[in-house]
Amino acid sequence: MDTPIGVFDSGIGGLTVVKELARCLPNEDIIYFGDTARVPYGTKSPATIIRFSIENVLFLLKFRVKLVVIACNTSSSHALPVLKRDFKIPIVGVINPGAREAARISKSGRVGVIGTNATIQSGSYNCEIKKINPAIKVYSGACPLFVSLVEEGWLNDDVTYTIAGKYLKSLKEKKVDTLILGCTHYPLLKGVIKDIMGDGVTLVDSAKRVTAHVKDVLIQKDLLSENKKKGECRFYVSDEPARFAKIGERFLGQKIRFVKKAGEYV
């Protein structure tokens, strides 16, 4: 019960998931691994994404984690079935919780999905939504530059509005009433995306949905921490811990007190 939750991502974006986990499960310890040396995953082949994801889980298991969250849409899209097959501990991805929420709240049956090239090309959100409700029409679009804009801190700049306008134009024309933010960086651009899509479109933040799912799994498996004190978050990265800490504090909204280069501990 009192071992940590493990979270991995290709880099920094998964901190939006950590922020939600810490808010909703405040007594849980969290070990986060960001593969900053090999980011981005969104441009890699499925085989490479799967290999990296297996290595990430193996690293987290060194800390005796009780559950692993894949806080990366690209890894969830390609590696989740393999990880569930190869490892005994519970492993939760971000695709299914977001898909279920979108299918639940869409009134028009027209759902949009934005994400990295690899996530969109995988068709994973489309597949999950169709399993839930085959009648829903799913429209998707890759928004690869959003990651760089977020990491630069350009969350409300004119250039961000220009790029977002181009990316979202086709989805707006499709008259979707629900839009899944299929990358953990994208919640930081909610304001821009909402402005462009309009009030009639509901944004689905996968970070919030996956946290609710994690809590359900911990309860079902009797793994909720019995600690009364506030949980601790420790962060490991494969490269550039100082840069991770600087940008990561923007994601978390608080200071990162523990970050180490994973190579020193492997």
Protein backbone atom coordinates (compact mmCIF):
# COMPACT_ATOMS: atom_id res chain seq x y z
CA MET A 1 0.00 0.00 0.00
CA ASP A 2 2.67 2.47 0.98
CA THR A 3 5.02 2.00 -1.95
CA PRO A 4 4.91 4.81 -4.55
CA ILE A 5 2.94 5.28 -7.73
CA GLY A 6 5.23 5.30 -10.78
CA VAL A 7 4.67 7.73 -13.64
CA PHE A 8 6.62 8.02 -16.87
CA ASP A 9 6.54 10.31 -19.86
CA SER A 10 8.76 11.07 -22.83
CA GLY A 11 9.71 14.33 -21.14
CA ILE A 12 7.97 17.05 -19.18
CA GLY A 13 4.32 16.96 -20.28
CA GLY A 14 3.41 14.14 -17.90
CA LEU A 15 3.75 16.59 -15.03
CA THR A 16 0.17 17.66 -15.75
CA VAL A 17 -0.77 14.12 -14.69
CA VAL A 18 1.47 14.32 -11.60
CA LYS A 19 -0.18 17.59 -10.62
CA GLU A 20 -3.63 15.98 -10.74
CA LEU A 21 -2.46 12.85 -8.92
CA ALA A 22 -0.95 14.93 -6.12
CA ARG A 23 -4.16 16.96 -5.85
CA CYS A 24 -6.57 14.03 -5.82
CA LEU A 25 -4.37 11.50 -3.97
CA PRO A 26 -2.40 13.77 -1.62
CA ASN A 27 -1.09 10.98 0.61
CA GLU A 28 0.51 8.99 -2.20
CA ASP A 29 4.25 9.09 -2.92
CA ILE A 30 5.06 9.49 -6.62
CA ILE A 31 8.18 8.55 -8.60
CA TYR A 32 8.30 10.28 -11.99
CA PHE A 33 10.62 9.43 -14.86
CA GLY A 34 10.94 11.80 -17.82
CA ASP A 35 12.90 10.45 -20.77
CA THR A 36 14.31 13.86 -21.66
CA ALA A 37 17.32 12.41 -23.49
CA ARG A 38 15.09 10.75 -26.10
CA VAL A 39 12.15 13.15 -26.33
CA PRO A 40 10.04 13.50 -28.45
CA TYR A 41 8.40 10.10 -28.78
CA GLY A 42 5.82 11.49 -31.21
CA THR A 43 8.23 11.26 -34.15
CA LYS A 44 9.52 7.75 -33.37
CA SER A 45 8.45 4.41 -34.86
CA PRO A 46 6.02 2.18 -32.91
CA ALA A 47 8.79 -0.39 -32.26
CA THR A 48 11.07 2.27 -30.78
CA ILE A 49 8.26 3.71 -28.64
CA ILE A 50 7.52 0.23 -27.26
CA ARG A 51 11.20 -0.41 -26.47
CA PHE A 52 11.60 2.91 -24.69
CA SER A 53 8.40 2.33 -22.72
CA ILE A 54 9.54 -1.10 -21.51
CA GLU A 55 12.83 0.43 -20.36
CA ASN A 56 10.94 3.17 -18.52
CA VAL A 57 8.82 0.67 -16.61
CA LEU A 58 11.91 -1.35 -15.69
CA PHE A 59 13.46 1.81 -14.24
CA LEU A 60 10.36 2.58 -12.16
CA LEU A 61 10.25 -0.98 -10.82
CA LYS A 62 13.59 -0.30 -9.08
CA PHE A 63 11.51 1.80 -6.66
CA ARG A 64 8.98 -1.00 -5.99
CA VAL A 65 6.14 1.04 -7.45
CA LYS A 66 2.65 -0.44 -6.96
CA LEU A 67 1.14 0.94 -10.17
CA VAL A 68 2.49 2.61 -13.31
CA VAL A 69 0.82 5.49 -15.11
CA ILE A 70 1.84 6.04 -18.73
CA ALA A 71 1.52 9.82 -18.73
CA CYS A 72 2.28 9.94 -22.42
CA ASN A 73 -0.36 9.64 -25.12
CA THR A 74 2.17 8.36 -27.66
CA SER A 75 3.36 5.53 -25.38
CA SER A 76 -0.23 4.76 -24.36
CA SER A 77 -1.19 4.53 -28.03
CA HIS A 78 1.52 2.05 -28.99
CA ALA A 79 2.96 0.36 -25.90
CA LEU A 80 0.10 -0.19 -23.42
CA PRO A 81 -0.95 -3.69 -24.65
CA VAL A 82 2.67 -4.90 -24.58
CA LEU A 83 3.32 -3.45 -21.12
CA LYS A 84 0.14 -5.00 -19.71
CA ARG A 85 1.19 -8.36 -21.16
CA ASP A 86 4.78 -8.24 -19.93
CA PHE A 87 4.38 -6.80 -16.42
CA LYS A 88 2.27 -8.01 -13.49
CA ILE A 89 1.62 -4.67 -11.76
CA PRO A 90 -1.36 -2.49 -12.80
CA ILE A 91 -0.50 -0.21 -15.72
CA VAL A 92 -2.79 2.66 -16.67
CA GLY A 93 -2.66 4.63 -19.92
CA VAL A 94 -4.23 7.98 -20.76
CA ILE A 95 -6.17 7.01 -23.91
CA ASN A 96 -9.12 5.03 -22.54
CA PRO A 97 -10.09 7.44 -19.70
CA GLY A 98 -10.10 10.40 -22.11
CA ALA A 99 -12.05 8.48 -24.75
CA ARG A 100 -14.69 7.38 -22.25
CA GLU A 101 -15.19 10.91 -21.00
CA ALA A 102 -15.51 12.32 -24.52
CA ALA A 103 -18.04 9.64 -25.49
CA ARG A 104 -20.02 10.37 -22.33
CA ILE A 105 -20.31 14.14 -22.70
CA SER A 106 -20.64 14.61 -26.48
CA LYS A 107 -24.20 15.58 -27.36
CA SER A 108 -23.79 15.88 -31.12
CA GLY A 109 -21.73 12.70 -31.53
CA ARG A 110 -18.93 14.67 -33.18
CA VAL A 111 -15.65 14.41 -31.26
CA GLY A 112 -12.29 15.96 -32.12
CA VAL A 113 -8.86 14.71 -31.03
CA ILE A 114 -5.56 16.59 -31.14
CA GLY A 115 -2.15 15.10 -30.34
CA THR A 116 1.32 14.30 -31.62
CA ASN A 117 1.85 12.79 -35.07
CA ALA A 118 2.37 9.30 -33.59
CA THR A 119 -0.74 9.47 -31.41
CA ILE A 120 -2.94 10.65 -34.26
CA GLN A 121 -1.49 8.16 -36.76
CA SER A 122 -2.12 5.30 -34.32
CA GLY A 123 -5.88 5.97 -34.41
CA SER A 124 -6.02 4.88 -30.76
CA TYR A 125 -8.58 7.45 -29.60
CA ASN A 126 -10.78 6.71 -32.60
CA CYS A 127 -10.63 3.00 -31.83
CA GLU A 128 -11.44 3.44 -28.13
CA ILE A 129 -14.34 5.80 -28.78
CA LYS A 130 -15.81 3.48 -31.42
CA LYS A 131 -15.70 0.61 -28.92
CA ILE A 132 -17.79 2.69 -26.53
CA ASN A 133 -20.19 4.14 -29.11
CA PRO A 134 -19.77 3.19 -32.79
CA ALA A 135 -22.13 5.99 -33.84
CA ILE A 136 -19.76 8.76 -32.74
CA LYS A 137 -17.82 10.45 -35.52
CA VAL A 138 -14.20 11.16 -34.61
CA TYR A 139 -12.09 13.80 -36.32
CA SER A 140 -8.41 14.16 -35.51
CA GLY A 141 -5.51 16.49 -36.16
CA ALA A 142 -1.82 16.49 -35.27
CA CYS A 143 -0.51 19.62 -33.51
CA PRO A 144 3.22 18.90 -33.12
CA LEU A 145 4.33 22.50 -32.53
CA PHE A 146 2.15 22.82 -29.42
CA VAL A 147 4.80 20.97 -27.37
CA SER A 148 7.53 23.45 -28.27
CA LEU A 149 5.24 26.43 -27.63
CA VAL A 150 4.43 25.14 -24.14
CA GLU A 151 8.04 24.43 -23.26
CA GLU A 152 9.06 27.89 -24.45
CA GLY A 153 6.40 29.34 -22.17
CA TRP A 154 4.53 30.94 -25.07
CA LEU A 155 1.11 30.12 -23.67
CA ASN A 156 -0.77 33.26 -24.79
CA ASP A 157 1.48 34.75 -27.47
CA ASP A 158 0.26 35.93 -30.86
CA VAL A 159 2.33 33.23 -32.57
CA THR A 160 0.57 30.60 -30.45
CA TYR A 161 -2.85 31.87 -31.51
CA THR A 162 -1.74 31.88 -35.16
CA ILE A 163 -0.42 28.31 -35.08
CA ALA A 164 -3.40 27.05 -33.07
CA GLY A 165 -5.79 28.71 -35.51
CA LYS A 166 -4.21 26.82 -38.40
CA TYR A 167 -4.18 23.49 -36.56
CA LEU A 168 -7.76 23.74 -35.29
CA LYS A 169 -9.39 25.16 -38.41
CA SER A 170 -10.49 21.81 -39.85
CA LEU A 171 -11.86 20.55 -36.51
CA LYS A 172 -13.84 23.74 -36.08
CA GLU A 173 -15.27 23.29 -39.57
CA LYS A 174 -16.34 19.75 -38.63
CA LYS A 175 -18.47 21.28 -35.84
CA VAL A 176 -17.17 19.01 -33.09
CA ASP A 177 -18.74 19.67 -29.69
CA THR A 178 -16.03 17.87 -27.71
CA LEU A 179 -12.26 18.08 -28.15
CA ILE A 180 -9.81 15.66 -26.50
CA LEU A 181 -6.45 17.19 -25.59
CA GLY A 182 -4.50 14.10 -26.59
CA CYS A 183 -1.12 15.22 -25.31
CA THR A 184 -0.19 16.04 -21.74
CA HIS A 185 1.38 19.36 -22.79
CA TYR A 186 -1.85 20.65 -24.27
CA PRO A 187 -3.76 21.50 -21.05
CA LEU A 188 -1.41 24.46 -20.64
CA LEU A 189 -2.86 25.84 -23.87
CA LYS A 190 -6.49 25.42 -22.77
CA GLY A 191 -7.13 29.16 -22.87
CA VAL A 192 -5.95 29.55 -26.46
CA ILE A 193 -7.70 26.38 -27.64
CA LYS A 194 -10.94 27.39 -25.93
CA ASP A 195 -10.80 30.88 -27.49
CA ILE A 196 -10.39 29.43 -30.97
CA MET A 197 -12.89 26.57 -30.70
CA GLY A 198 -15.57 28.68 -28.97
CA ASP A 199 -17.86 28.19 -25.99
CA GLY A 200 -19.84 25.41 -27.65
CA VAL A 201 -16.89 23.00 -27.48
CA THR A 202 -16.00 21.11 -24.28
CA LEU A 203 -12.32 20.29 -23.77
CA VAL A 204 -11.42 16.89 -22.32
CA ASP A 205 -8.23 16.91 -20.25
CA SER A 206 -6.88 13.35 -20.14
CA ALA A 207 -4.77 14.15 -17.05
CA LYS A 208 -7.91 14.61 -14.94
CA ARG A 209 -9.63 11.56 -16.32
CA VAL A 210 -6.64 9.24 -15.83
CA THR A 211 -6.28 10.36 -12.21
CA ALA A 212 -9.87 9.32 -11.46
CA HIS A 213 -9.14 5.96 -13.10
CA VAL A 214 -5.95 5.48 -11.06
CA LYS A 215 -7.89 6.10 -7.85
CA ASP A 216 -10.50 3.53 -8.87
CA VAL A 217 -7.79 0.92 -9.59
CA LEU A 218 -6.05 1.55 -6.26
CA ILE A 219 -9.34 1.16 -4.40
CA GLN A 220 -10.27 -2.02 -6.30
CA LYS A 221 -6.88 -3.60 -5.57
CA ASP A 222 -6.73 -2.34 -1.98
CA LEU A 223 -3.58 -0.35 -2.72
CA LEU A 224 -4.55 3.12 -1.47
CA SER A 225 -1.88 4.51 0.84
CA GLU A 226 -2.69 4.55 4.54
CA ASN A 227 -0.15 7.32 5.15
CA LYS A 228 -1.58 10.33 6.95
CA LYS A 229 1.22 12.66 5.90
CA LYS A 230 1.46 14.44 2.57
CA GLY A 231 3.02 12.31 -0.12
CA GLU A 232 6.40 13.11 -1.68
CA CYS A 233 7.19 13.50 -5.38
CA ARG A 234 10.63 12.54 -6.66
CA PHE A 235 11.63 13.22 -10.24
CA TYR A 236 14.20 11.44 -12.38
CA VAL A 237 15.17 12.31 -15.95
CA SER A 238 17.49 10.78 -18.51
CA ASP A 239 19.11 14.16 -19.29
CA GLU A 240 19.19 17.85 -18.31
CA PRO A 241 17.71 17.83 -14.80
CA ALA A 242 18.20 21.60 -14.38
CA ARG A 243 16.19 22.37 -17.52
CA PHE A 244 13.52 19.88 -16.45
CA ALA A 245 13.20 21.57 -13.07
CA LYS A 246 12.95 25.04 -14.59
CA ILE A 247 10.25 24.16 -17.13
CA GLY A 248 8.59 21.60 -14.88
CA GLU A 249 7.78 24.17 -12.23
CA ARG A 250 5.59 25.90 -14.81
CA PHE A 251 3.61 22.68 -15.23
CA LEU A 252 3.29 21.93 -11.52
CA GLY A 253 2.79 25.48 -10.31
CA GLN A 254 5.28 24.86 -7.53
CA LYS A 255 8.99 24.35 -6.92
CA ILE A 256 10.55 21.00 -7.79
CA ARG A 257 12.72 20.05 -4.81
CA PHE A 258 14.06 16.68 -5.92
CA VAL A 259 15.23 15.95 -9.46
CA LYS A 260 18.12 13.69 -10.44
CA LYS A 261 19.59 12.30 -13.62
CA ALA A 262 18.43 8.70 -13.84
CA GLY A 263 21.73 7.44 -15.21
CA GLU A 264 23.27 8.05 -11.83
CA TYR A 265 20.85 5.53 -10.30
CA VAL A 266 20.40 2.86 -12.99
